[in-house]
Amino acid sequence: QVQLVESGGGLVQAGGSLRLSCVVSGRMFSSYAMGWFRQVPGKERKFVASISWSTGSTAYSDSVKGRFTISRDTAKNTMYLQMINLKPEDTANYYCAADPRGTWYLRSGANEPAYRGQGTQVTVSS
């Protein structure tokens, strides 16, 4: 089992920044892919970014490319999402996910990840 716990969400004005963290514990292998998703109540889950735990290769949705940066610290078993130039449309519950099937699986957005956290709320005011 893999446990994921997010933190770092909050209320920020448009144009501001936040950094989300996701602490990983349990039996996770370096071959896993990890990612961030966001969801607004009543709407579908949206893929935000993914990273290969072993290689660090990354991928982003078009809506956040150039503004968000995903990274991981393998020594701390922690993944991050640095968000800058936040917009009101970025408001959502952000949660991290892990899956052994690879980043391609997470990037589809529609696939349910094997493991996910409870999420942290990000609210961007205009």
Foldseek 3Di string as FASTA:
>chain_A
DKAKDKDWADEEAQQAKIKMKIAIDDDDDQLKKKAKWWDDPPDAIGGAKIARSNPGDMDGDPVQPPFWDWGADVVRRMIMIIGGRDDQVVWGWMKMAMANPDPVQVNVSVHDGPDMYPTDTHGYHD
